[in-house]
Amino acid sequence: MNTLRKDIQKEFPEAKVVDIVSKTFGAFEVSVNGQFIHSRIESGCNPIHEQILYILRDAKAGKPIPTISKKE
C-alpha cells in the first residue's frame, strides 16, 4: 500500500488517503472531492494500483468518479 499511497500523493495531492492498521483490521481508504473511490473495509479487498490511478486521472479530467465496490 505504501507504493500506491506515494503514487497517489505525488500525482494527486488533493486526494485523501487513509491507512489505518490495528490488530483486528486494516483499512485503506481513498477518496477525492469528498467521494470514496475505494474502501478496504467495505470491499473486503486491497485496491488495484493501476485502477485507482486511472480513476483519479479521470476525476482530475472532470469525468464521473466510480466507486470500487469489489475486487474485479
PDB file of N, CA and C in Angstrom:
ATOM      1  N   MET A   1       0.807  -1.189   0.000  1.00  0.00           N
ATOM      2  CA  MET A   1       0.000   0.000   0.000  1.00  0.00           C
ATOM      3  C   MET A   1       0.856   1.261   0.000  1.00  0.00           C
ATOM      4  N   ASN A   2       2.083   1.168   0.545  1.00  0.00           N
ATOM      5  CA  ASN A   2       2.928   2.353   0.602  1.00  0.00           C
ATOM      6  C   ASN A   2       3.254   2.893  -0.777  1.00  0.00           C
ATOM      7  N   THR A   3       3.485   2.008  -1.752  1.00  0.00           N
ATOM      8  CA  THR A   3       3.784   2.457  -3.106  1.00  0.00           C
ATOM      9  C   THR A   3       2.577   3.167  -3.698  1.00  0.00           C
ATOM     10  N   LEU A   4       1.405   2.605  -3.534  1.00  0.00           N
ATOM     11  CA  LEU A   4       0.190   3.234  -4.043  1.00  0.00           C
ATOM     12  C   LEU A   4      -0.032   4.579  -3.365  1.00  0.00           C
ATOM     13  N   ARG A   5       0.132   4.624  -2.064  1.00  0.00           N
ATOM     14  CA  ARG A   5      -0.029   5.882  -1.314  1.00  0.00           C
ATOM     15  C   ARG A   5       0.903   6.952  -1.882  1.00  0.00           C
ATOM     16  N   LYS A   6       2.162   6.611  -2.082  1.00  0.00           N
ATOM     17  CA  LYS A   6       3.140   7.571  -2.604  1.00  0.00           C
ATOM     18  C   LYS A   6       2.780   8.023  -4.011  1.00  0.00           C
ATOM     19  N   ASP A   7       2.362   7.099  -4.856  1.00  0.00           N
ATOM     20  CA  ASP A   7       1.981   7.449  -6.227  1.00  0.00           C
ATOM     21  C   ASP A   7       0.766   8.373  -6.242  1.00  0.00           C
ATOM     22  N   ILE A   8      -0.205   8.088  -5.388  1.00  0.00           N
ATOM     23  CA  ILE A   8      -1.401   8.931  -5.311  1.00  0.00           C
ATOM     24  C   ILE A   8      -1.022  10.331  -4.833  1.00  0.00           C
ATOM     25  N   GLN A   9      -0.266  10.405  -3.751  1.00  0.00           N
ATOM     26  CA  GLN A   9       0.073  11.703  -3.186  1.00  0.00           C
ATOM     27  C   GLN A   9       0.966  12.521  -4.115  1.00  0.00           C
ATOM     28  N   LYS A  10       1.785  11.850  -4.892  1.00  0.00           N
ATOM     29  CA  LYS A  10       2.658  12.551  -5.835  1.00  0.00           C
ATOM     30  C   LYS A  10       1.849  13.140  -6.991  1.00  0.00           C
ATOM     31  N   GLU A  11       0.983  12.333  -7.583  1.00  0.00           N
ATOM     32  CA  GLU A  11       0.240  12.754  -8.769  1.00  0.00           C
ATOM     33  C   GLU A  11      -1.037  13.526  -8.433  1.00  0.00           C
ATOM     34  N   PHE A  12      -1.624  13.230  -7.263  1.00  0.00           N
ATOM     35  CA  PHE A  12      -2.903  13.836  -6.878  1.00  0.00           C
ATOM     36  C   PHE A  12      -2.849  14.309  -5.428  1.00  0.00           C
ATOM     37  N   PRO A  13      -2.170  15.402  -5.158  1.00  0.00           N
ATOM     38  CA  PRO A  13      -2.040  15.853  -3.772  1.00  0.00           C
ATOM     39  C   PRO A  13      -3.380  16.179  -3.112  1.00  0.00           C
ATOM     40  N   GLU A  14      -4.424  16.412  -3.922  1.00  0.00           N
ATOM     41  CA  GLU A  14      -5.740  16.715  -3.360  1.00  0.00           C
ATOM     42  C   GLU A  14      -6.498  15.471  -2.906  1.00  0.00           C
ATOM     43  N   ALA A  15      -6.025  14.289  -3.278  1.00  0.00           N
ATOM     44  CA  ALA A  15      -6.685  13.041  -2.881  1.00  0.00           C
ATOM     45  C   ALA A  15      -6.402  12.756  -1.409  1.00  0.00           C
ATOM     46  N   LYS A  16      -7.393  12.201  -0.742  1.00  0.00           N
ATOM     47  CA  LYS A  16      -7.232  11.836   0.664  1.00  0.00           C
ATOM     48  C   LYS A  16      -7.033  10.328   0.751  1.00  0.00           C
ATOM     49  N   VAL A  17      -5.926   9.925   1.358  1.00  0.00           N
ATOM     50  CA  VAL A  17      -5.621   8.509   1.535  1.00  0.00           C
ATOM     51  C   VAL A  17      -5.484   8.256   3.025  1.00  0.00           C
ATOM     52  N   VAL A  18      -6.242   7.294   3.532  1.00  0.00           N
ATOM     53  CA  VAL A  18      -6.178   6.957   4.948  1.00  0.00           C
ATOM     54  C   VAL A  18      -5.831   5.485   5.063  1.00  0.00           C
ATOM     55  N   ASP A  19      -4.802   5.197   5.839  1.00  0.00           N
ATOM     56  CA  ASP A  19      -4.371   3.818   6.064  1.00  0.00           C
ATOM     57  C   ASP A  19      -4.346   3.598   7.570  1.00  0.00           C
ATOM     58  N   ILE A  20      -5.279   2.801   8.064  1.00  0.00           N
ATOM     59  CA  ILE A  20      -5.385   2.531   9.498  1.00  0.00           C
ATOM     60  C   ILE A  20      -5.056   1.063   9.732  1.00  0.00           C
ATOM     61  N   VAL A  21      -4.108   0.826  10.609  1.00  0.00           N
ATOM     62  CA  VAL A  21      -3.716  -0.549  10.913  1.00  0.00           C
ATOM     63  C   VAL A  21      -4.021  -0.814  12.384  1.00  0.00           C
ATOM     64  N   SER A  22      -4.727  -1.893  12.637  1.00  0.00           N
ATOM     65  CA  SER A  22      -4.995  -2.299  14.010  1.00  0.00           C
ATOM     66  C   SER A  22      -4.835  -3.806  14.103  1.00  0.00           C
ATOM     67  N   LYS A  23      -4.970  -4.326  15.295  1.00  0.00           N
ATOM     68  CA  LYS A  23      -4.828  -5.773  15.483  1.00  0.00           C
ATOM     69  C   LYS A  23      -5.984  -6.549  14.863  1.00  0.00           C
ATOM     70  N   THR A  24      -7.148  -5.916  14.756  1.00  0.00           N
ATOM     71  CA  THR A  24      -8.317  -6.633  14.244  1.00  0.00           C
ATOM     72  C   THR A  24      -8.598  -6.387  12.769  1.00  0.00           C
ATOM     73  N   PHE A  25      -8.171  -5.254  12.248  1.00  0.00           N
ATOM     74  CA  PHE A  25      -8.422  -4.972  10.831  1.00  0.00           C
ATOM     75  C   PHE A  25      -7.426  -3.940  10.326  1.00  0.00           C
ATOM     76  N   GLY A  26      -7.310  -3.864   9.022  1.00  0.00           N
ATOM     77  CA  GLY A  26      -6.528  -2.818   8.376  1.00  0.00           C
ATOM     78  C   GLY A  26      -7.439  -2.118   7.395  1.00  0.00           C
ATOM     79  N   ALA A  27      -7.401  -0.817   7.388  1.00  0.00           N
ATOM     80  CA  ALA A  27      -8.256  -0.067   6.472  1.00  0.00           C
ATOM     81  C   ALA A  27      -7.397   0.754   5.534  1.00  0.00           C
ATOM     82  N   PHE A  28      -7.776   0.783   4.277  1.00  0.00           N
ATOM     83  CA  PHE A  28      -7.114   1.632   3.293  1.00  0.00           C
ATOM     84  C   PHE A  28      -8.227   2.296   2.518  1.00  0.00           C
ATOM     85  N   GLU A  29      -8.379   3.587   2.717  1.00  0.00           N
ATOM     86  CA  GLU A  29      -9.480   4.340   2.134  1.00  0.00           C
ATOM     87  C   GLU A  29      -8.921   5.381   1.174  1.00  0.00           C
ATOM     88  N   VAL A  30      -9.517   5.501   0.008  1.00  0.00           N
ATOM     89  CA  VAL A  30      -9.114   6.515  -0.964  1.00  0.00           C
ATOM     90  C   VAL A  30     -10.351   7.306  -1.360  1.00  0.00           C
ATOM     91  N   SER A  31     -10.256   8.636  -1.258  1.00  0.00           N
ATOM     92  CA  SER A  31     -11.359   9.479  -1.712  1.00  0.00           C
ATOM     93  C   SER A  31     -10.801  10.704  -2.417  1.00  0.00           C
ATOM     94  N   VAL A  32     -11.612  11.279  -3.279  1.00  0.00           N
ATOM     95  CA  VAL A  32     -11.251  12.522  -3.964  1.00  0.00           C
ATOM     96  C   VAL A  32     -12.522  13.354  -4.091  1.00  0.00           C
ATOM     97  N   ASN A  33     -12.380  14.651  -3.890  1.00  0.00           N
ATOM     98  CA  ASN A  33     -13.534  15.555  -3.937  1.00  0.00           C
ATOM     99  C   ASN A  33     -14.644  15.102  -2.987  1.00  0.00           C
ATOM    100  N   GLY A  34     -14.258  14.527  -1.859  1.00  0.00           N
ATOM    101  CA  GLY A  34     -15.224  14.088  -0.865  1.00  0.00           C
ATOM    102  C   GLY A  34     -15.952  12.795  -1.183  1.00  0.00           C
ATOM    103  N   GLN A  35     -15.578  12.134  -2.259  1.00  0.00           N
ATOM    104  CA  GLN A  35     -16.242  10.887  -2.662  1.00  0.00           C
ATOM    105  C   GLN A  35     -15.273   9.713  -2.540  1.00  0.00           C
ATOM    106  N   PHE A  36     -15.729   8.648  -1.865  1.00  0.00           N
ATOM    107  CA  PHE A  36     -14.901   7.451  -1.747  1.00  0.00           C
ATOM    108  C   PHE A  36     -14.730   6.783  -3.099  1.00  0.00           C
ATOM    109  N   ILE A  37     -13.508   6.373  -3.366  1.00  0.00           N
ATOM    110  CA  ILE A  37     -13.205   5.580  -4.555  1.00  0.00           C
ATOM    111  C   ILE A  37     -13.023   4.131  -4.141  1.00  0.00           C
ATOM    112  N   HIS A  38     -12.306   3.937  -3.023  1.00  0.00           N
ATOM    113  CA  HIS A  38     -12.068   2.574  -2.549  1.00  0.00           C
ATOM    114  C   HIS A  38     -12.056   2.554  -1.032  1.00  0.00           C
ATOM    115  N   SER A  39     -12.664   1.533  -0.474  1.00  0.00           N
ATOM    116  CA  SER A  39     -12.633   1.276   0.959  1.00  0.00           C
ATOM    117  C   SER A  39     -12.343  -0.204   1.155  1.00  0.00           C
ATOM    118  N   ARG A  40     -11.207  -0.503   1.774  1.00  0.00           N
ATOM    119  CA  ARG A  40     -10.875  -1.909   2.030  1.00  0.00           C
ATOM    120  C   ARG A  40     -11.890  -2.528   2.983  1.00  0.00           C
ATOM    121  N   ILE A  41     -12.378  -1.745   3.919  1.00  0.00           N
ATOM    122  CA  ILE A  41     -13.360  -2.260   4.876  1.00  0.00           C
ATOM    123  C   ILE A  41     -14.644  -2.663   4.153  1.00  0.00           C
ATOM    124  N   GLU A  42     -15.146  -1.797   3.273  1.00  0.00           N
ATOM    125  CA  GLU A  42     -16.398  -2.089   2.577  1.00  0.00           C
ATOM    126  C   GLU A  42     -16.245  -3.140   1.486  1.00  0.00           C
ATOM    127  N   SER A  43     -15.116  -3.121   0.774  1.00  0.00           N
ATOM    128  CA  SER A  43     -14.947  -4.049  -0.351  1.00  0.00           C
ATOM    129  C   SER A  43     -14.375  -5.398   0.076  1.00  0.00           C
ATOM    130  N   GLY A  44     -13.656  -5.401   1.203  1.00  0.00           N
ATOM    131  CA  GLY A  44     -13.040  -6.641   1.658  1.00  0.00           C
ATOM    132  C   GLY A  44     -11.789  -7.024   0.885  1.00  0.00           C
ATOM    133  N   CYS A  45     -11.262  -6.094   0.094  1.00  0.00           N
ATOM    134  CA  CYS A  45     -10.063  -6.411  -0.688  1.00  0.00           C
ATOM    135  C   CYS A  45      -9.162  -5.189  -0.801  1.00  0.00           C
ATOM    136  N   ASN A  46      -7.926  -5.456  -1.178  1.00  0.00           N
ATOM    137  CA  ASN A  46      -6.974  -4.386  -1.425  1.00  0.00           C
ATOM    138  C   ASN A  46      -7.276  -3.730  -2.767  1.00  0.00           C
ATOM    139  N   PRO A  47      -6.941  -2.450  -2.900  1.00  0.00           N
ATOM    140  CA  PRO A  47      -7.175  -1.776  -4.176  1.00  0.00           C
ATOM    141  C   PRO A  47      -6.199  -2.258  -5.240  1.00  0.00           C
ATOM    142  N   ILE A  48      -6.616  -2.155  -6.490  1.00  0.00           N
ATOM    143  CA  ILE A  48      -5.738  -2.472  -7.611  1.00  0.00           C
ATOM    144  C   ILE A  48      -5.051  -1.164  -7.996  1.00  0.00           C
ATOM    145  N   HIS A  49      -3.733  -1.151  -7.861  1.00  0.00           N
ATOM    146  CA  HIS A  49      -2.902   0.040  -8.021  1.00  0.00           C
ATOM    147  C   HIS A  49      -3.276   0.853  -9.264  1.00  0.00           C
ATOM    148  N   GLU A  50      -3.184   0.259 -10.424  1.00  0.00           N
ATOM    149  CA  GLU A  50      -3.437   0.985 -11.672  1.00  0.00           C
ATOM    150  C   GLU A  50      -4.892   1.432 -11.796  1.00  0.00           C
ATOM    151  N   GLN A  51      -5.809   0.647 -11.261  1.00  0.00           N
ATOM    152  CA  GLN A  51      -7.228   1.005 -11.324  1.00  0.00           C
ATOM    153  C   GLN A  51      -7.493   2.288 -10.533  1.00  0.00           C
ATOM    154  N   ILE A  52      -6.905   2.393  -9.364  1.00  0.00           N
ATOM    155  CA  ILE A  52      -7.069   3.591  -8.540  1.00  0.00           C
ATOM    156  C   ILE A  52      -6.497   4.810  -9.257  1.00  0.00           C
ATOM    157  N   LEU A  53      -5.285   4.679  -9.808  1.00  0.00           N
ATOM    158  CA  LEU A  53      -4.665   5.803 -10.511  1.00  0.00           C
ATOM    159  C   LEU A  53      -5.474   6.207 -11.738  1.00  0.00           C
ATOM    160  N   TYR A  54      -6.014   5.244 -12.455  1.00  0.00           N
ATOM    161  CA  TYR A  54      -6.846   5.514 -13.633  1.00  0.00           C
ATOM    162  C   TYR A  54      -8.088   6.318 -13.237  1.00  0.00           C
ATOM    163  N   ILE A  55      -8.747   5.907 -12.165  1.00  0.00           N
ATOM    164  CA  ILE A  55      -9.941   6.606 -11.686  1.00  0.00           C
ATOM    165  C   ILE A  55      -9.590   8.029 -11.261  1.00  0.00           C
ATOM    166  N   LEU A  56      -8.466   8.189 -10.574  1.00  0.00           N
ATOM    167  CA  LEU A  56      -8.060   9.523 -10.137  1.00  0.00           C
ATOM    168  C   LEU A  56      -7.730  10.426 -11.321  1.00  0.00           C
ATOM    169  N   ARG A  57      -7.114   9.872 -12.341  1.00  0.00           N
ATOM    170  CA  ARG A  57      -6.816  10.658 -13.550  1.00  0.00           C
ATOM    171  C   ARG A  57      -8.114  11.111 -14.218  1.00  0.00           C
ATOM    172  N   ASP A  58      -9.077  10.205 -14.296  1.00  0.00           N
ATOM    173  CA  ASP A  58     -10.381  10.561 -14.870  1.00  0.00           C
ATOM    174  C   ASP A  58     -11.059  11.659 -14.043  1.00  0.00           C
ATOM    175  N   ALA A  59     -10.999  11.530 -12.721  1.00  0.00           N
ATOM    176  CA  ALA A  59     -11.615  12.525 -11.841  1.00  0.00           C
ATOM    177  C   ALA A  59     -10.971  13.892 -12.047  1.00  0.00           C
ATOM    178  N   LYS A  60      -9.659  13.901 -12.183  1.00  0.00           N
ATOM    179  CA  LYS A  60      -8.939  15.154 -12.400  1.00  0.00           C
ATOM    180  C   LYS A  60      -9.355  15.796 -13.725  1.00  0.00           C
ATOM    181  N   ALA A  61      -9.708  14.965 -14.705  1.00  0.00           N
ATOM    182  CA  ALA A  61     -10.143  15.450 -16.017  1.00  0.00           C
ATOM    183  C   ALA A  61     -11.626  15.827 -16.025  1.00  0.00           C
ATOM    184  N   GLY A  62     -12.306  15.683 -14.867  1.00  0.00           N
ATOM    185  CA  GLY A  62     -13.705  16.070 -14.771  1.00  0.00           C
ATOM    186  C   GLY A  62     -14.699  14.975 -15.099  1.00  0.00           C
ATOM    187  N   LYS A  63     -14.218  13.751 -15.270  1.00  0.00           N
ATOM    188  CA  LYS A  63     -15.117  12.633 -15.572  1.00  0.00           C
ATOM    189  C   LYS A  63     -15.767  12.129 -14.280  1.00  0.00           C
ATOM    190  N   PRO A  64     -16.887  11.412 -14.382  1.00  0.00           N
ATOM    191  CA  PRO A  64     -17.547  10.862 -13.191  1.00  0.00           C
ATOM    192  C   PRO A  64     -16.607   9.938 -12.408  1.00  0.00           C
ATOM    193  N   ILE A  65     -16.797   9.924 -11.100  1.00  0.00           N
ATOM    194  CA  ILE A  65     -15.948   9.123 -10.219  1.00  0.00           C
ATOM    195  C   ILE A  65     -16.699   7.865  -9.806  1.00  0.00           C
ATOM    196  N   PRO A  66     -16.273   6.695 -10.300  1.00  0.00           N
ATOM    197  CA  PRO A  66     -16.917   5.449  -9.870  1.00  0.00           C
ATOM    198  C   PRO A  66     -16.372   5.015  -8.512  1.00  0.00           C
ATOM    199  N   THR A  67     -17.120   4.196  -7.834  1.00  0.00           N
ATOM    200  CA  THR A  67     -16.673   3.602  -6.583  1.00  0.00           C
ATOM    201  C   THR A  67     -16.373   2.141  -6.838  1.00  0.00           C
ATOM    202  N   ILE A  68     -15.223   1.685  -6.359  1.00  0.00           N
ATOM    203  CA  ILE A  68     -14.866   0.277  -6.496  1.00  0.00           C
ATOM    204  C   ILE A  68     -15.535  -0.451  -5.347  1.00  0.00           C
ATOM    205  N   SER A  69     -16.501  -1.293  -5.661  1.00  0.00           N
ATOM    206  CA  SER A  69     -17.261  -1.962  -4.608  1.00  0.00           C
ATOM    207  C   SER A  69     -16.750  -3.359  -4.300  1.00  0.00           C
ATOM    208  N   LYS A  70     -16.048  -3.955  -5.240  1.00  0.00           N
ATOM    209  CA  LYS A  70     -15.486  -5.283  -5.002  1.00  0.00           C
ATOM    210  C   LYS A  70     -14.290  -5.474  -5.912  1.00  0.00           C
ATOM    211  N   LYS A  71     -13.484  -6.455  -5.574  1.00  0.00           N
ATOM    212  CA  LYS A  71     -12.302  -6.738  -6.381  1.00  0.00           C
ATOM    213  C   LYS A  71     -12.735  -7.292  -7.725  1.00  0.00           C
ATOM    214  N   GLU A  72     -12.176  -6.716  -8.783  1.00  0.00           N
ATOM    215  CA  GLU A  72     -12.538  -7.164 -10.128  1.00  0.00           C
ATOM    216  C   GLU A  72     -11.420  -7.971 -10.739  1.00  0.00           C
TER     217      GLU A  72
END
